Amino acid sequence: MFKATKGIFTLALGMALTQTLIGAAGAQTAAPPPLPDGVFAAERDIKLATAGSYTLDPMHTGVVVRVSHLGYSYSIFRFDKAQGTLTWDPAAVAQSKLSVSVPTASISTNVDGFAKELAGDGFLKSATFPDATFVSSAFRQTDAMHGKVDGQFTLMGKTRPLTFDVTLVGAGKGFMGRPRIGVNARAAINPQDYGLPPFFTDPIAIVIDTEFERAP
């Protein structure tokens, strides 16, 4: 009697597990809900980055710097504002142009009160030099998804050459007839080249994730 009951229980448990797995598999393969009319997801296809004049989307832009904390770790600071323009020509990539500015007073940090100090005269001198800027001088495509953008980077009144390594994240028709290009860009600066305090000895990494929207 006990063996029979145990067998029935095992069979029932196996059937329940089977139904659960089938249901889970069905849920995983269910089609995602359709996007609203006029909204298109991006693809990792450079051909969808159509030619034209683009404007940086500040609501989908993150500018992050990684600064050595006296060799113990890296402090992460974010700049919450940015603006810029991109002239993109896939048929003649080298002729494309980029100009971006970031208000240095928009810096934020998870250390209470430190952002105001960083924007002050001891560090970024934002009142005197309100913007950090980058203006391109050359675009160099290395493959379908990657390239380098050379240019002049200005911080606290000092201008030095800088190269960003750029990766295409996605491109597509965008929203309401306004195509989009999304990229990740990375570079590093020598803090002493721009007059930052001497205890900043290691290179400062700059990481930018942004989208550009084309005019209709």
C-alpha atoms as a PDB file:
ATOM      1  CA  MET A   1       0.000   0.000   0.000  1.00  0.00           C
ATOM      2  CA  PHE A   2       2.770   2.396   0.947  1.00  0.00           C
ATOM      3  CA  LYS A   3       4.733   1.593  -2.210  1.00  0.00           C
ATOM      4  CA  ALA A   4       1.678   2.165  -4.398  1.00  0.00           C
ATOM      5  CA  THR A   5       0.935   5.514  -2.748  1.00  0.00           C
ATOM      6  CA  LYS A   6       4.570   6.535  -3.103  1.00  0.00           C
ATOM      7  CA  GLY A   7       4.523   5.631  -6.806  1.00  0.00           C
ATOM      8  CA  ILE A   8       1.375   7.650  -7.459  1.00  0.00           C
ATOM      9  CA  PHE A   9       2.897  10.618  -5.616  1.00  0.00           C
ATOM     10  CA  THR A  10       6.102  10.391  -7.662  1.00  0.00           C
ATOM     11  CA  LEU A  11       4.120  10.211 -10.914  1.00  0.00           C
ATOM     12  CA  ALA A  12       2.009  13.208  -9.948  1.00  0.00           C
ATOM     13  CA  LEU A  13       5.083  15.187  -8.951  1.00  0.00           C
ATOM     14  CA  GLY A  14       6.780  14.352 -12.240  1.00  0.00           C
ATOM     15  CA  MET A  15       3.741  15.458 -14.238  1.00  0.00           C
ATOM     16  CA  ALA A  16       3.531  18.718 -12.283  1.00  0.00           C
ATOM     17  CA  LEU A  17       7.213  19.453 -12.883  1.00  0.00           C
ATOM     18  CA  THR A  18       6.810  18.675 -16.579  1.00  0.00           C
ATOM     19  CA  GLN A  19       3.881  21.082 -16.898  1.00  0.00           C
ATOM     20  CA  THR A  20       5.824  23.753 -15.015  1.00  0.00           C
ATOM     21  CA  LEU A  21       8.843  23.400 -17.318  1.00  0.00           C
ATOM     22  CA  ILE A  22       6.620  23.490 -20.414  1.00  0.00           C
ATOM     23  CA  GLY A  23       4.911  26.620 -19.118  1.00  0.00           C
ATOM     24  CA  ALA A  24       8.245  28.266 -18.318  1.00  0.00           C
ATOM     25  CA  ALA A  25       9.605  27.432 -21.767  1.00  0.00           C
ATOM     26  CA  GLY A  26       6.489  28.864 -23.357  1.00  0.00           C
ATOM     27  CA  ALA A  27       6.839  32.051 -21.308  1.00  0.00           C
ATOM     28  CA  GLN A  28      10.483  32.399 -22.359  1.00  0.00           C
ATOM     29  CA  THR A  29       9.685  32.071 -26.053  1.00  0.00           C
ATOM     30  CA  ALA A  30       6.627  34.302 -26.032  1.00  0.00           C
ATOM     31  CA  ALA A  31       6.946  37.210 -28.437  1.00  0.00           C
ATOM     32  CA  PRO A  32       7.621  40.587 -26.785  1.00  0.00           C
ATOM     33  CA  PRO A  33       4.827  43.156 -26.944  1.00  0.00           C
ATOM     34  CA  PRO A  34       4.902  45.339 -30.067  1.00  0.00           C
ATOM     35  CA  LEU A  35       6.496  48.765 -29.915  1.00  0.00           C
ATOM     36  CA  PRO A  36       4.265  51.842 -30.242  1.00  0.00           C
ATOM     37  CA  ASP A  37       3.653  53.186 -33.732  1.00  0.00           C
ATOM     38  CA  GLY A  38       6.602  55.227 -34.962  1.00  0.00           C
ATOM     39  CA  VAL A  39       9.094  53.705 -32.480  1.00  0.00           C
ATOM     40  CA  PHE A  40      11.832  51.402 -33.781  1.00  0.00           C
ATOM     41  CA  ALA A  41      14.433  49.411 -31.875  1.00  0.00           C
ATOM     42  CA  ALA A  42      18.097  49.811 -32.789  1.00  0.00           C
ATOM     43  CA  GLU A  43      20.225  47.204 -34.523  1.00  0.00           C
ATOM     44  CA  ARG A  44      23.967  46.621 -34.488  1.00  0.00           C
ATOM     45  CA  ASP A  45      24.231  47.607 -38.133  1.00  0.00           C
ATOM     46  CA  ILE A  46      26.304  50.559 -39.281  1.00  0.00           C
ATOM     47  CA  LYS A  47      24.227  50.740 -42.480  1.00  0.00           C
ATOM     48  CA  LEU A  48      21.323  52.044 -40.378  1.00  0.00           C
ATOM     49  CA  ALA A  49      23.409  55.050 -39.258  1.00  0.00           C
ATOM     50  CA  THR A  50      22.204  57.250 -42.079  1.00  0.00           C
ATOM     51  CA  ALA A  51      23.897  60.461 -43.176  1.00  0.00           C
ATOM     52  CA  GLY A  52      22.848  63.794 -41.718  1.00  0.00           C
ATOM     53  CA  SER A  53      23.116  66.271 -38.883  1.00  0.00           C
ATOM     54  CA  TYR A  54      22.499  64.840 -35.421  1.00  0.00           C
ATOM     55  CA  THR A  55      22.020  66.354 -31.978  1.00  0.00           C
ATOM     56  CA  LEU A  56      23.188  64.715 -28.760  1.00  0.00           C
ATOM     57  CA  ASP A  57      20.282  63.514 -26.610  1.00  0.00           C
ATOM     58  CA  PRO A  58      21.095  64.725 -23.062  1.00  0.00           C
ATOM     59  CA  MET A  59      18.441  62.452 -21.536  1.00  0.00           C
ATOM     60  CA  HIS A  60      20.232  59.394 -22.884  1.00  0.00           C
ATOM     61  CA  THR A  61      23.799  60.436 -22.210  1.00  0.00           C
ATOM     62  CA  GLY A  62      26.137  59.450 -19.403  1.00  0.00           C
ATOM     63  CA  VAL A  63      29.602  60.981 -18.938  1.00  0.00           C
ATOM     64  CA  VAL A  64      31.580  59.103 -16.302  1.00  0.00           C
ATOM     65  CA  VAL A  65      35.162  59.522 -15.125  1.00  0.00           C
ATOM     66  CA  ARG A  66      37.196  56.981 -13.156  1.00  0.00           C
ATOM     67  CA  VAL A  67      39.742  58.645 -10.874  1.00  0.00           C
ATOM     68  CA  SER A  68      42.332  56.823  -8.794  1.00  0.00           C
ATOM     69  CA  HIS A  69      41.635  57.319  -5.081  1.00  0.00           C
ATOM     70  CA  LEU A  70      45.276  57.548  -3.972  1.00  0.00           C
ATOM     71  CA  GLY A  71      45.863  54.084  -5.388  1.00  0.00           C
ATOM     72  CA  TYR A  72      43.311  52.350  -3.136  1.00  0.00           C
ATOM     73  CA  SER A  73      40.447  52.141  -5.623  1.00  0.00           C
ATOM     74  CA  TYR A  74      38.753  54.175  -8.341  1.00  0.00           C
ATOM     75  CA  SER A  75      36.286  56.902  -7.505  1.00  0.00           C
ATOM     76  CA  ILE A  76      33.458  57.204 -10.017  1.00  0.00           C
ATOM     77  CA  PHE A  77      32.149  60.676 -10.866  1.00  0.00           C
ATOM     78  CA  ARG A  78      29.337  61.458 -13.283  1.00  0.00           C
ATOM     79  CA  PHE A  79      28.554  64.631 -15.208  1.00  0.00           C
ATOM     80  CA  ASP A  80      24.795  65.025 -15.523  1.00  0.00           C
ATOM     81  CA  LYS A  81      24.611  67.502 -18.413  1.00  0.00           C
ATOM     82  CA  ALA A  82      25.985  67.516 -21.958  1.00  0.00           C
ATOM     83  CA  GLN A  83      25.240  68.949 -25.364  1.00  0.00           C
ATOM     84  CA  GLY A  84      26.705  68.362 -28.775  1.00  0.00           C
ATOM     85  CA  THR A  85      26.311  67.929 -32.514  1.00  0.00           C
ATOM     86  CA  LEU A  86      27.396  65.232 -34.948  1.00  0.00           C
ATOM     87  CA  THR A  87      27.643  65.519 -38.715  1.00  0.00           C
ATOM     88  CA  TRP A  88      27.769  61.941 -39.944  1.00  0.00           C
ATOM     89  CA  ASP A  89      28.567  60.744 -43.466  1.00  0.00           C
ATOM     90  CA  PRO A  90      28.901  56.951 -43.811  1.00  0.00           C
ATOM     91  CA  ALA A  91      30.044  57.363 -47.418  1.00  0.00           C
ATOM     92  CA  ALA A  92      32.956  59.554 -46.299  1.00  0.00           C
ATOM     93  CA  VAL A  93      33.521  58.771 -42.617  1.00  0.00           C
ATOM     94  CA  ALA A  94      36.716  60.831 -42.448  1.00  0.00           C
ATOM     95  CA  GLN A  95      34.706  63.973 -43.221  1.00  0.00           C
ATOM     96  CA  SER A  96      32.331  63.507 -40.264  1.00  0.00           C
ATOM     97  CA  LYS A  97      32.452  66.087 -37.467  1.00  0.00           C
ATOM     98  CA  LEU A  98      31.717  66.089 -33.750  1.00  0.00           C
ATOM     99  CA  SER A  99      31.509  68.845 -31.144  1.00  0.00           C
ATOM    100  CA  VAL A 100      30.544  68.200 -27.504  1.00  0.00           C
ATOM    101  CA  SER A 101      30.546  70.290 -24.332  1.00  0.00           C
ATOM    102  CA  VAL A 102      29.979  69.250 -20.717  1.00  0.00           C
ATOM    103  CA  PRO A 103      29.314  71.749 -17.892  1.00  0.00           C
ATOM    104  CA  THR A 104      31.834  70.760 -15.240  1.00  0.00           C
ATOM    105  CA  ALA A 105      29.599  72.060 -12.435  1.00  0.00           C
ATOM    106  CA  SER A 106      27.169  69.240 -13.268  1.00  0.00           C
ATOM    107  CA  ILE A 107      29.505  66.728 -11.587  1.00  0.00           C
ATOM    108  CA  SER A 108      27.890  64.362  -9.088  1.00  0.00           C
ATOM    109  CA  THR A 109      29.276  61.888  -6.551  1.00  0.00           C
ATOM    110  CA  ASN A 110      27.955  59.669  -3.772  1.00  0.00           C
ATOM    111  CA  VAL A 111      30.187  61.473  -1.235  1.00  0.00           C
ATOM    112  CA  ASP A 112      28.027  64.078   0.533  1.00  0.00           C
ATOM    113  CA  GLY A 113      29.078  67.629  -0.312  1.00  0.00           C
ATOM    114  CA  PHE A 114      32.056  66.572  -2.421  1.00  0.00           C
ATOM    115  CA  ALA A 115      30.517  67.501  -5.789  1.00  0.00           C
ATOM    116  CA  LYS A 116      30.418  71.178  -4.794  1.00  0.00           C
ATOM    117  CA  GLU A 117      34.042  70.977  -3.702  1.00  0.00           C
ATOM    118  CA  LEU A 118      35.069  69.312  -6.965  1.00  0.00           C
ATOM    119  CA  ALA A 119      33.398  72.097  -8.958  1.00  0.00           C
ATOM    120  CA  GLY A 120      35.180  74.739  -6.871  1.00  0.00           C
ATOM    121  CA  ASP A 121      38.510  76.493  -7.224  1.00  0.00           C
ATOM    122  CA  GLY A 122      40.476  73.623  -5.676  1.00  0.00           C
ATOM    123  CA  PHE A 123      39.657  71.292  -8.544  1.00  0.00           C
ATOM    124  CA  LEU A 124      37.647  72.055 -11.710  1.00  0.00           C
ATOM    125  CA  LYS A 125      37.276  75.847 -11.273  1.00  0.00           C
ATOM    126  CA  SER A 126      33.819  75.698 -12.850  1.00  0.00           C
ATOM    127  CA  ALA A 127      33.013  79.350 -12.193  1.00  0.00           C
ATOM    128  CA  THR A 128      35.993  80.420 -14.306  1.00  0.00           C
ATOM    129  CA  PHE A 129      35.986  77.538 -16.807  1.00  0.00           C
ATOM    130  CA  PRO A 130      32.360  76.364 -17.011  1.00  0.00           C
ATOM    131  CA  ASP A 131      32.694  73.780 -19.787  1.00  0.00           C
ATOM    132  CA  ALA A 132      34.915  70.919 -20.835  1.00  0.00           C
ATOM    133  CA  THR A 133      34.824  70.575 -24.630  1.00  0.00           C
ATOM    134  CA  PHE A 134      35.868  68.171 -27.346  1.00  0.00           C
ATOM    135  CA  VAL A 135      36.049  69.142 -31.016  1.00  0.00           C
ATOM    136  CA  SER A 136      36.948  66.469 -33.537  1.00  0.00           C
ATOM    137  CA  SER A 137      39.699  66.777 -36.105  1.00  0.00           C
ATOM    138  CA  ALA A 138      39.492  63.309 -37.717  1.00  0.00           C
ATOM    139  CA  PHE A 139      37.278  60.211 -37.831  1.00  0.00           C
ATOM    140  CA  ARG A 140      39.051  56.894 -38.469  1.00  0.00           C
ATOM    141  CA  GLN A 141      36.857  53.824 -38.980  1.00  0.00           C
ATOM    142  CA  THR A 142      38.655  50.591 -38.020  1.00  0.00           C
ATOM    143  CA  ASP A 143      35.869  48.089 -38.808  1.00  0.00           C
ATOM    144  CA  ALA A 144      32.096  47.997 -39.211  1.00  0.00           C
ATOM    145  CA  MET A 145      31.440  48.586 -35.510  1.00  0.00           C
ATOM    146  CA  HIS A 146      34.509  50.488 -34.269  1.00  0.00           C
ATOM    147  CA  GLY A 147      36.532  53.592 -34.931  1.00  0.00           C
ATOM    148  CA  LYS A 148      38.659  56.333 -33.445  1.00  0.00           C
ATOM    149  CA  VAL A 149      37.845  60.021 -33.209  1.00  0.00           C
ATOM    150  CA  ASP A 150      40.803  62.384 -32.865  1.00  0.00           C
ATOM    151  CA  GLY A 151      40.332  65.911 -31.633  1.00  0.00           C
ATOM    152  CA  GLN A 152      41.129  68.674 -29.189  1.00  0.00           C
ATOM    153  CA  PHE A 153      39.994  68.356 -25.581  1.00  0.00           C
ATOM    154  CA  THR A 154      39.787  71.501 -23.450  1.00  0.00           C
ATOM    155  CA  LEU A 155      39.565  71.492 -19.657  1.00  0.00           C
ATOM    156  CA  MET A 156      40.165  74.476 -17.358  1.00  0.00           C
ATOM    157  CA  GLY A 157      41.423  76.576 -20.247  1.00  0.00           C
ATOM    158  CA  LYS A 158      44.043  74.051 -21.356  1.00  0.00           C
ATOM    159  CA  THR A 159      43.713  72.278 -24.710  1.00  0.00           C
ATOM    160  CA  ARG A 160      45.426  69.011 -25.594  1.00  0.00           C
ATOM    161  CA  PRO A 161      44.984  66.394 -28.347  1.00  0.00           C
ATOM    162  CA  LEU A 162      42.824  63.420 -27.374  1.00  0.00           C
ATOM    163  CA  THR A 163      41.586  60.281 -29.124  1.00  0.00           C
ATOM    164  CA  PHE A 164      38.374  58.444 -28.243  1.00  0.00           C
ATOM    165  CA  ASP A 165      37.905  54.768 -29.043  1.00  0.00           C
ATOM    166  CA  VAL A 166      34.313  54.514 -30.264  1.00  0.00           C
ATOM    167  CA  THR A 167      32.016  51.487 -30.494  1.00  0.00           C
ATOM    168  CA  LEU A 168      28.667  51.537 -32.242  1.00  0.00           C
ATOM    169  CA  VAL A 169      26.042  50.276 -29.772  1.00  0.00           C
ATOM    170  CA  GLY A 170      23.071  50.537 -32.109  1.00  0.00           C
ATOM    171  CA  ALA A 171      21.475  52.501 -34.919  1.00  0.00           C
ATOM    172  CA  GLY A 172      18.027  52.618 -36.437  1.00  0.00           C
ATOM    173  CA  LYS A 173      14.944  54.542 -37.448  1.00  0.00           C
ATOM    174  CA  GLY A 174      14.561  55.951 -33.948  1.00  0.00           C
ATOM    175  CA  PHE A 175      11.373  57.669 -32.893  1.00  0.00           C
ATOM    176  CA  MET A 176       8.763  59.476 -34.994  1.00  0.00           C
ATOM    177  CA  GLY A 177      10.875  59.787 -38.126  1.00  0.00           C
ATOM    178  CA  ARG A 178      14.077  60.829 -36.344  1.00  0.00           C
ATOM    179  CA  PRO A 179      16.847  58.211 -36.779  1.00  0.00           C
ATOM    180  CA  ARG A 180      19.254  57.533 -33.913  1.00  0.00           C
ATOM    181  CA  ILE A 181      22.852  56.459 -33.420  1.00  0.00           C
ATOM    182  CA  GLY A 182      24.073  55.160 -30.051  1.00  0.00           C
ATOM    183  CA  VAL A 183      27.767  54.832 -29.184  1.00  0.00           C
ATOM    184  CA  ASN A 184      30.179  54.091 -26.373  1.00  0.00           C
ATOM    185  CA  ALA A 185      33.352  56.221 -26.351  1.00  0.00           C
ATOM    186  CA  ARG A 186      36.426  55.860 -24.140  1.00  0.00           C
ATOM    187  CA  ALA A 187      39.587  57.883 -23.620  1.00  0.00           C
ATOM    188  CA  ALA A 188      42.067  58.754 -20.871  1.00  0.00           C
ATOM    189  CA  ILE A 189      43.731  62.035 -19.936  1.00  0.00           C
ATOM    190  CA  ASN A 190      46.826  62.949 -17.957  1.00  0.00           C
ATOM    191  CA  PRO A 191      45.447  65.122 -15.112  1.00  0.00           C
ATOM    192  CA  GLN A 192      48.663  67.137 -14.883  1.00  0.00           C
ATOM    193  CA  ASP A 193      48.205  68.315 -18.473  1.00  0.00           C
ATOM    194  CA  TYR A 194      45.131  70.255 -17.349  1.00  0.00           C
ATOM    195  CA  GLY A 195      46.319  71.677 -14.051  1.00  0.00           C
ATOM    196  CA  LEU A 196      44.571  69.306 -11.669  1.00  0.00           C
ATOM    197  CA  PRO A 197      46.096  68.974  -8.170  1.00  0.00           C
ATOM    198  CA  PRO A 198      49.372  66.997  -7.981  1.00  0.00           C
ATOM    199  CA  PHE A 199      47.956  64.044  -6.052  1.00  0.00           C
ATOM    200  CA  PHE A 200      46.088  63.091  -9.231  1.00  0.00           C
ATOM    201  CA  THR A 201      48.947  61.055 -10.642  1.00  0.00           C
ATOM    202  CA  ASP A 202      47.270  58.240 -12.584  1.00  0.00           C
ATOM    203  CA  PRO A 203      45.474  58.714 -15.900  1.00  0.00           C
ATOM    204  CA  ILE A 204      41.779  59.608 -15.594  1.00  0.00           C
ATOM    205  CA  ALA A 205      39.499  57.412 -17.691  1.00  0.00           C
ATOM    206  CA  ILE A 206      36.548  59.032 -19.476  1.00  0.00           C
ATOM    207  CA  VAL A 207      33.626  56.798 -20.471  1.00  0.00           C
ATOM    208  CA  ILE A 208      30.728  58.188 -22.491  1.00  0.00           C
ATOM    209  CA  ASP A 209      27.502  56.426 -23.444  1.00  0.00           C
ATOM    210  CA  THR A 210      25.270  58.542 -25.616  1.00  0.00           C
ATOM    211  CA  GLU A 211      22.652  58.697 -28.355  1.00  0.00           C
ATOM    212  CA  PHE A 212      22.443  61.156 -31.209  1.00  0.00           C
ATOM    213  CA  GLU A 213      19.147  61.989 -32.897  1.00  0.00           C
ATOM    214  CA  ARG A 214      18.903  63.175 -36.498  1.00  0.00           C
ATOM    215  CA  ALA A 215      16.708  66.042 -37.540  1.00  0.00           C
ATOM    216  CA  PRO A 216      13.672  64.976 -39.642  1.00  0.00           C
END
